[in-house]
PDB file of N, CA and C in Angstrom:
ATOM      1  N   MET A   1     -12.881  33.848 -32.024  1.00  0.00           N
ATOM      2  CA  MET A   1     -11.813  34.134 -32.783  1.00  0.00           C
ATOM      3  C   MET A   1     -12.126  34.502 -34.149  1.00  0.00           C
ATOM      4  N   THR A   2     -11.531  35.489 -34.666  1.00  0.00           N
ATOM      5  CA  THR A   2     -11.977  36.171 -35.912  1.00  0.00           C
ATOM      6  C   THR A   2     -10.978  35.759 -36.811  1.00  0.00           C
ATOM      7  N   SER A   3     -11.241  35.380 -38.175  1.00  0.00           N
ATOM      8  CA  SER A   3     -10.305  35.291 -39.079  1.00  0.00           C
ATOM      9  C   SER A   3     -10.614  35.862 -40.426  1.00  0.00           C
ATOM     10  N   MET A   4      -9.621  36.312 -41.317  1.00  0.00           N
ATOM     11  CA  MET A   4      -9.875  36.895 -42.631  1.00  0.00           C
ATOM     12  C   MET A   4      -8.964  36.117 -43.605  1.00  0.00           C
ATOM     13  N   ASN A   5      -9.431  35.779 -44.638  1.00  0.00           N
ATOM     14  CA  ASN A   5      -8.571  35.339 -45.705  1.00  0.00           C
ATOM     15  C   ASN A   5      -8.450  36.183 -46.872  1.00  0.00           C
ATOM     16  N   ASP A   6      -7.348  36.248 -47.496  1.00  0.00           N
ATOM     17  CA  ASP A   6      -7.139  36.831 -48.614  1.00  0.00           C
ATOM     18  C   ASP A   6      -6.098  36.039 -49.566  1.00  0.00           C
ATOM     19  N   ASN A   7      -6.208  36.315 -50.883  1.00  0.00           N
ATOM     20  CA  ASN A   7      -5.305  35.544 -51.765  1.00  0.00           C
ATOM     21  C   ASN A   7      -4.656  36.639 -52.712  1.00  0.00           C
ATOM     22  N   LYS A   8      -3.412  36.506 -52.833  1.00  0.00           N
ATOM     23  CA  LYS A   8      -2.617  37.424 -53.706  1.00  0.00           C
ATOM     24  C   LYS A   8      -1.866  36.391 -54.542  1.00  0.00           C
ATOM     25  N   GLN A   9      -1.323  37.236 -55.640  1.00  0.00           N
ATOM     26  CA  GLN A   9      -0.250  36.347 -56.561  1.00  0.00           C
ATOM     27  C   GLN A   9       0.999  37.267 -56.653  1.00  0.00           C
ATOM     28  N   TYR A  10       2.069  36.514 -56.623  1.00  0.00           N
ATOM     29  CA  TYR A  10       3.432  37.227 -56.569  1.00  0.00           C
ATOM     30  C   TYR A  10       4.394  36.494 -57.120  1.00  0.00           C
ATOM     31  N   ARG A  11       4.874  36.937 -58.401  1.00  0.00           N
ATOM     32  CA  ARG A  11       6.048  36.121 -58.947  1.00  0.00           C
ATOM     33  C   ARG A  11       5.823  34.734 -59.234  1.00  0.00           C
ATOM     34  N   GLY A  12       4.525  34.254 -59.714  1.00  0.00           N
ATOM     35  CA  GLY A  12       4.220  33.030 -60.289  1.00  0.00           C
ATOM     36  C   GLY A  12       3.799  32.232 -59.027  1.00  0.00           C
ATOM     37  N   TYR A  13       3.558  32.767 -57.848  1.00  0.00           N
ATOM     38  CA  TYR A  13       2.967  31.997 -56.769  1.00  0.00           C
ATOM     39  C   TYR A  13       1.614  32.630 -56.139  1.00  0.00           C
ATOM     40  N   ASN A  14       0.722  31.799 -55.933  1.00  0.00           N
ATOM     41  CA  ASN A  14      -0.481  32.226 -54.868  1.00  0.00           C
ATOM     42  C   ASN A  14      -0.071  32.336 -53.475  1.00  0.00           C
ATOM     43  N   ILE A  15      -0.361  33.422 -52.943  1.00  0.00           N
ATOM     44  CA  ILE A  15      -0.317  33.430 -51.448  1.00  0.00           C
ATOM     45  C   ILE A  15      -1.742  33.588 -50.823  1.00  0.00           C
ATOM     46  N   SER A  16      -1.938  32.521 -49.883  1.00  0.00           N
ATOM     47  CA  SER A  16      -3.073  32.528 -49.272  1.00  0.00           C
ATOM     48  C   SER A  16      -2.848  32.947 -47.784  1.00  0.00           C
ATOM     49  N   VAL A  17      -3.673  33.661 -47.302  1.00  0.00           N
ATOM     50  CA  VAL A  17      -3.273  34.314 -45.809  1.00  0.00           C
ATOM     51  C   VAL A  17      -4.323  33.901 -45.036  1.00  0.00           C
ATOM     52  N   SER A  18      -4.207  33.518 -43.802  1.00  0.00           N
ATOM     53  CA  SER A  18      -5.387  33.564 -42.835  1.00  0.00           C
ATOM     54  C   SER A  18      -4.711  34.111 -41.379  1.00  0.00           C
ATOM     55  N   VAL A  19      -5.379  35.149 -40.862  1.00  0.00           N
ATOM     56  CA  VAL A  19      -5.086  35.604 -39.722  1.00  0.00           C
ATOM     57  C   VAL A  19      -5.975  35.301 -38.424  1.00  0.00           C
ATOM     58  N   ARG A  20      -5.398  35.422 -37.352  1.00  0.00           N
ATOM     59  CA  ARG A  20      -6.234  35.138 -36.159  1.00  0.00           C
ATOM     60  C   ARG A  20      -5.603  35.717 -34.846  1.00  0.00           C
ATOM     61  N   GLN A  21      -6.552  35.831 -34.060  1.00  0.00           N
ATOM     62  CA  GLN A  21      -6.218  36.471 -32.857  1.00  0.00           C
ATOM     63  C   GLN A  21      -5.654  35.535 -31.748  1.00  0.00           C
ATOM     64  N   ASP A  22      -4.707  35.774 -31.142  1.00  0.00           N
ATOM     65  CA  ASP A  22      -4.070  34.768 -30.124  1.00  0.00           C
ATOM     66  C   ASP A  22      -4.612  34.987 -28.776  1.00  0.00           C
ATOM     67  N   CYS A  23      -4.171  34.375 -27.757  1.00  0.00           N
ATOM     68  CA  CYS A  23      -4.676  34.547 -26.465  1.00  0.00           C
ATOM     69  C   CYS A  23      -4.351  35.741 -25.746  1.00  0.00           C
ATOM     70  N   GLU A  24      -3.441  36.498 -26.219  1.00  0.00           N
ATOM     71  CA  GLU A  24      -3.137  37.849 -25.738  1.00  0.00           C
ATOM     72  C   GLU A  24      -3.689  38.870 -26.394  1.00  0.00           C
ATOM     73  N   ASP A  25      -4.817  38.608 -27.279  1.00  0.00           N
ATOM     74  CA  ASP A  25      -5.352  39.616 -28.216  1.00  0.00           C
ATOM     75  C   ASP A  25      -4.397  40.297 -29.281  1.00  0.00           C
ATOM     76  N   ARG A  26      -3.297  39.613 -29.628  1.00  0.00           N
ATOM     77  CA  ARG A  26      -2.494  39.961 -30.639  1.00  0.00           C
ATOM     78  C   ARG A  26      -3.019  39.328 -31.797  1.00  0.00           C
ATOM     79  N   TRP A  27      -2.593  39.589 -33.046  1.00  0.00           N
ATOM     80  CA  TRP A  27      -3.024  39.178 -34.350  1.00  0.00           C
ATOM     81  C   TRP A  27      -1.676  38.262 -34.873  1.00  0.00           C
ATOM     82  N   ASP A  28      -1.998  36.924 -35.140  1.00  0.00           N
ATOM     83  CA  ASP A  28      -0.893  36.146 -35.889  1.00  0.00           C
ATOM     84  C   ASP A  28      -1.378  35.787 -37.223  1.00  0.00           C
ATOM     85  N   PHE A  29      -0.629  35.157 -38.029  1.00  0.00           N
ATOM     86  CA  PHE A  29      -1.002  34.638 -39.382  1.00  0.00           C
ATOM     87  C   PHE A  29      -0.363  33.297 -39.878  1.00  0.00           C
ATOM     88  N   ASP A  30      -1.116  32.787 -40.574  1.00  0.00           N
ATOM     89  CA  ASP A  30      -0.670  31.551 -41.504  1.00  0.00           C
ATOM     90  C   ASP A  30      -0.571  31.849 -42.889  1.00  0.00           C
ATOM     91  N   TYR A  31       0.412  31.462 -43.647  1.00  0.00           N
ATOM     92  CA  TYR A  31       0.235  31.556 -45.055  1.00  0.00           C
ATOM     93  C   TYR A  31       0.592  30.331 -45.807  1.00  0.00           C
ATOM     94  N   THR A  32      -0.051  30.097 -46.895  1.00  0.00           N
ATOM     95  CA  THR A  32       0.470  29.074 -47.834  1.00  0.00           C
ATOM     96  C   THR A  32       0.762  29.429 -49.183  1.00  0.00           C
ATOM     97  N   LEU A  33       1.950  29.163 -49.783  1.00  0.00           N
ATOM     98  CA  LEU A  33       2.424  29.500 -51.100  1.00  0.00           C
ATOM     99  C   LEU A  33       2.072  28.306 -51.996  1.00  0.00           C
ATOM    100  N   THR A  34       1.592  28.644 -53.112  1.00  0.00           N
ATOM    101  CA  THR A  34       1.402  27.616 -54.137  1.00  0.00           C
ATOM    102  C   THR A  34       1.808  28.100 -55.536  1.00  0.00           C
ATOM    103  N   ALA A  35       2.600  27.195 -56.240  1.00  0.00           N
ATOM    104  CA  ALA A  35       3.011  27.767 -57.597  1.00  0.00           C
ATOM    105  C   ALA A  35       1.669  27.931 -58.551  1.00  0.00           C
ATOM    106  N   VAL A  36       1.691  28.964 -59.173  1.00  0.00           N
ATOM    107  CA  VAL A  36       0.444  29.156 -60.190  1.00  0.00           C
ATOM    108  C   VAL A  36       0.444  28.177 -61.179  1.00  0.00           C
ATOM    109  N   ASP A  37       1.568  27.593 -61.701  1.00  0.00           N
ATOM    110  CA  ASP A  37       1.492  26.367 -62.646  1.00  0.00           C
ATOM    111  C   ASP A  37       1.208  25.122 -61.946  1.00  0.00           C
ATOM    112  N   GLY A  38       0.963  25.029 -60.684  1.00  0.00           N
ATOM    113  CA  GLY A  38       0.775  23.786 -60.051  1.00  0.00           C
ATOM    114  C   GLY A  38       1.973  22.947 -59.831  1.00  0.00           C
ATOM    115  N   LYS A  39       3.080  23.358 -60.199  1.00  0.00           N
ATOM    116  CA  LYS A  39       4.299  22.548 -60.156  1.00  0.00           C
ATOM    117  C   LYS A  39       4.895  22.885 -58.830  1.00  0.00           C
ATOM    118  N   GLY A  40       6.009  22.178 -58.295  1.00  0.00           N
ATOM    119  CA  GLY A  40       6.527  22.345 -57.107  1.00  0.00           C
ATOM    120  C   GLY A  40       5.645  22.032 -55.686  1.00  0.00           C
ATOM    121  N   GLU A  41       6.474  22.185 -54.634  1.00  0.00           N
ATOM    122  CA  GLU A  41       5.641  21.853 -53.346  1.00  0.00           C
ATOM    123  C   GLU A  41       5.097  23.136 -52.892  1.00  0.00           C
ATOM    124  N   VAL A  42       3.872  22.782 -51.906  1.00  0.00           N
ATOM    125  CA  VAL A  42       3.230  23.656 -51.386  1.00  0.00           C
ATOM    126  C   VAL A  42       3.868  24.007 -50.229  1.00  0.00           C
ATOM    127  N   ARG A  43       4.006  25.218 -49.803  1.00  0.00           N
ATOM    128  CA  ARG A  43       4.871  25.659 -48.747  1.00  0.00           C
ATOM    129  C   ARG A  43       3.649  26.235 -47.716  1.00  0.00           C
ATOM    130  N   GLN A  44       3.563  25.816 -46.433  1.00  0.00           N
ATOM    131  CA  GLN A  44       2.748  26.404 -45.470  1.00  0.00           C
ATOM    132  C   GLN A  44       3.511  26.947 -44.163  1.00  0.00           C
ATOM    133  N   ARG A  45       3.211  28.030 -43.681  1.00  0.00           N
ATOM    134  CA  ARG A  45       4.120  28.571 -42.640  1.00  0.00           C
ATOM    135  C   ARG A  45       3.122  29.372 -41.635  1.00  0.00           C
ATOM    136  N   SER A  46       3.596  29.384 -40.469  1.00  0.00           N
ATOM    137  CA  SER A  46       2.951  29.959 -39.467  1.00  0.00           C
ATOM    138  C   SER A  46       3.815  31.028 -38.670  1.00  0.00           C
ATOM    139  N   HIS A  47       3.209  32.136 -38.300  1.00  0.00           N
ATOM    140  CA  HIS A  47       3.971  33.060 -37.730  1.00  0.00           C
ATOM    141  C   HIS A  47       3.279  33.585 -36.352  1.00  0.00           C
ATOM    142  N   THR A  48       3.888  33.232 -35.208  1.00  0.00           N
ATOM    143  CA  THR A  48       3.155  33.751 -33.963  1.00  0.00           C
ATOM    144  C   THR A  48       4.242  34.386 -32.981  1.00  0.00           C
ATOM    145  N   VAL A  49       5.379  34.945 -33.366  1.00  0.00           N
ATOM    146  CA  VAL A  49       6.068  35.503 -32.533  1.00  0.00           C
ATOM    147  C   VAL A  49       5.732  36.895 -32.421  1.00  0.00           C
ATOM    148  N   ASN A  50       5.583  37.353 -31.298  1.00  0.00           N
ATOM    149  CA  ASN A  50       5.089  38.793 -30.660  1.00  0.00           C
ATOM    150  C   ASN A  50       3.624  39.113 -31.412  1.00  0.00           C
ATOM    151  N   GLY A  51       3.426  38.678 -32.553  1.00  0.00           N
ATOM    152  CA  GLY A  51       1.955  39.079 -33.065  1.00  0.00           C
ATOM    153  C   GLY A  51       2.052  40.527 -33.580  1.00  0.00           C
ATOM    154  N   GLN A  52       0.867  40.861 -34.064  1.00  0.00           N
ATOM    155  CA  GLN A  52       0.561  42.380 -34.533  1.00  0.00           C
ATOM    156  C   GLN A  52      -0.623  42.858 -33.698  1.00  0.00           C
ATOM    157  N   MET A  53      -0.563  44.184 -33.691  1.00  0.00           N
ATOM    158  CA  MET A  53      -1.438  44.910 -32.961  1.00  0.00           C
ATOM    159  C   MET A  53      -2.946  44.925 -33.486  1.00  0.00           C
ATOM    160  N   THR A  54      -2.916  44.846 -34.831  1.00  0.00           N
ATOM    161  CA  THR A  54      -4.409  44.760 -35.665  1.00  0.00           C
ATOM    162  C   THR A  54      -4.407  43.663 -36.678  1.00  0.00           C
ATOM    163  N   GLU A  55      -5.695  43.301 -36.970  1.00  0.00           N
ATOM    164  CA  GLU A  55      -5.870  42.405 -38.075  1.00  0.00           C
ATOM    165  C   GLU A  55      -5.249  42.753 -39.356  1.00  0.00           C
ATOM    166  N   ALA A  56      -5.439  44.090 -39.823  1.00  0.00           N
ATOM    167  CA  ALA A  56      -4.947  44.613 -40.934  1.00  0.00           C
ATOM    168  C   ALA A  56      -3.347  44.503 -41.040  1.00  0.00           C
ATOM    169  N   ALA A  57      -2.742  44.785 -39.830  1.00  0.00           N
ATOM    170  CA  ALA A  57      -1.216  44.650 -39.811  1.00  0.00           C
ATOM    171  C   ALA A  57      -0.762  43.338 -40.146  1.00  0.00           C
ATOM    172  N   ALA A  58      -1.414  42.382 -39.423  1.00  0.00           N
ATOM    173  CA  ALA A  58      -1.079  40.947 -39.596  1.00  0.00           C
ATOM    174  C   ALA A  58      -1.276  40.604 -41.058  1.00  0.00           C
ATOM    175  N   GLN A  59      -2.291  40.944 -41.798  1.00  0.00           N
ATOM    176  CA  GLN A  59      -2.592  40.634 -43.185  1.00  0.00           C
ATOM    177  C   GLN A  59      -1.336  41.077 -43.914  1.00  0.00           C
ATOM    178  N   VAL A  60      -1.036  42.378 -43.769  1.00  0.00           N
ATOM    179  CA  VAL A  60       0.129  43.121 -44.541  1.00  0.00           C
ATOM    180  C   VAL A  60       1.287  42.238 -44.065  1.00  0.00           C
ATOM    181  N   ALA A  61       1.723  42.104 -42.884  1.00  0.00           N
ATOM    182  CA  ALA A  61       2.901  41.409 -42.464  1.00  0.00           C
ATOM    183  C   ALA A  61       3.091  39.942 -43.179  1.00  0.00           C
ATOM    184  N   ALA A  62       1.997  39.393 -43.070  1.00  0.00           N
ATOM    185  CA  ALA A  62       1.711  37.887 -43.804  1.00  0.00           C
ATOM    186  C   ALA A  62       2.244  38.112 -45.306  1.00  0.00           C
ATOM    187  N   ILE A  63       1.642  38.960 -46.004  1.00  0.00           N
ATOM    188  CA  ILE A  63       2.050  38.995 -47.482  1.00  0.00           C
ATOM    189  C   ILE A  63       3.391  39.526 -47.527  1.00  0.00           C
ATOM    190  N   GLU A  64       3.966  40.427 -46.885  1.00  0.00           N
ATOM    191  CA  GLU A  64       5.481  40.659 -47.039  1.00  0.00           C
ATOM    192  C   GLU A  64       6.432  39.598 -46.630  1.00  0.00           C
ATOM    193  N   VAL A  65       6.006  38.804 -45.484  1.00  0.00           N
ATOM    194  CA  VAL A  65       6.926  37.758 -45.324  1.00  0.00           C
ATOM    195  C   VAL A  65       6.824  36.505 -46.425  1.00  0.00           C
ATOM    196  N   ALA A  66       5.648  36.384 -46.935  1.00  0.00           N
ATOM    197  CA  ALA A  66       5.506  35.477 -47.785  1.00  0.00           C
ATOM    198  C   ALA A  66       6.189  35.931 -49.281  1.00  0.00           C
ATOM    199  N   ARG A  67       6.200  37.249 -49.497  1.00  0.00           N
ATOM    200  CA  ARG A  67       6.863  37.628 -50.737  1.00  0.00           C
ATOM    201  C   ARG A  67       8.408  37.461 -50.540  1.00  0.00           C
ATOM    202  N   THR A  68       9.063  37.667 -49.339  1.00  0.00           N
ATOM    203  CA  THR A  68      10.268  37.548 -49.062  1.00  0.00           C
ATOM    204  C   THR A  68      10.749  36.084 -49.171  1.00  0.00           C
ATOM    205  N   GLU A  69       9.958  35.148 -48.770  1.00  0.00           N
ATOM    206  CA  GLU A  69      10.192  33.794 -48.978  1.00  0.00           C
ATOM    207  C   GLU A  69      10.179  33.417 -50.507  1.00  0.00           C
ATOM    208  N   ILE A  70       9.217  33.906 -51.341  1.00  0.00           N
ATOM    209  CA  ILE A  70       9.274  33.576 -52.654  1.00  0.00           C
ATOM    210  C   ILE A  70      10.489  34.211 -53.331  1.00  0.00           C
ATOM    211  N   ASP A  71      11.081  35.285 -52.867  1.00  0.00           N
ATOM    212  CA  ASP A  71      12.066  35.911 -53.583  1.00  0.00           C
ATOM    213  C   ASP A  71      13.380  35.149 -53.246  1.00  0.00           C
ATOM    214  N   ASN A  72      13.314  34.580 -51.988  1.00  0.00           N
ATOM    215  CA  ASN A  72      14.511  33.626 -51.776  1.00  0.00           C
ATOM    216  C   ASN A  72      14.411  32.320 -52.476  1.00  0.00           C
ATOM    217  N   VAL A  73      13.226  31.832 -52.550  1.00  0.00           N
ATOM    218  CA  VAL A  73      13.056  30.424 -53.296  1.00  0.00           C
ATOM    219  C   VAL A  73      13.623  30.716 -54.884  1.00  0.00           C
ATOM    220  N   LEU A  74      13.078  31.647 -55.385  1.00  0.00           N
ATOM    221  CA  LEU A  74      13.480  32.017 -56.863  1.00  0.00           C
ATOM    222  C   LEU A  74      14.929  32.328 -56.996  1.00  0.00           C
ATOM    223  N   ALA A  75      15.525  32.992 -55.932  1.00  0.00           N
ATOM    224  CA  ALA A  75      16.943  33.347 -55.971  1.00  0.00           C
ATOM    225  C   ALA A  75      17.719  31.923 -55.767  1.00  0.00           C
ATOM    226  N   MET A  76      17.376  31.085 -55.087  1.00  0.00           N
ATOM    227  CA  MET A  76      18.014  29.779 -54.819  1.00  0.00           C
ATOM    228  C   MET A  76      17.823  28.901 -56.113  1.00  0.00           C
ATOM    229  N   GLN A  77      16.843  28.813 -56.770  1.00  0.00           N
ATOM    230  CA  GLN A  77      16.549  28.149 -57.939  1.00  0.00           C
ATOM    231  C   GLN A  77      17.481  28.690 -59.058  1.00  0.00           C
ATOM    232  N   ALA A  78      17.645  30.118 -59.332  1.00  0.00           N
ATOM    233  CA  ALA A  78      18.389  30.565 -60.256  1.00  0.00           C
ATOM    234  C   ALA A  78      19.883  30.400 -59.928  1.00  0.00           C
ATOM    235  N   GLY A  79      20.171  29.881 -58.866  1.00  0.00           N
ATOM    236  CA  GLY A  79      21.405  29.554 -58.411  1.00  0.00           C
ATOM    237  C   GLY A  79      22.820  30.066 -58.551  1.00  0.00           C
TER     238      GLY A  79
END
């Protein structure tokens, strides 16, 4: 099983991504969101529905899904 890690920052959060190949040779991902300031909860998510065709596509998909979650969290906090 191959895995690749990548760390990104977006709107005050660190996004840590790990991709892996599933049993059907598709690529799935996990990601963790941590506030840059160290406050708040750590959010860990896993995405395995349908998978992606390539490792690079899974990496991009993970970042986009994580950014959407961050946008939603910030919108709820703004209230």
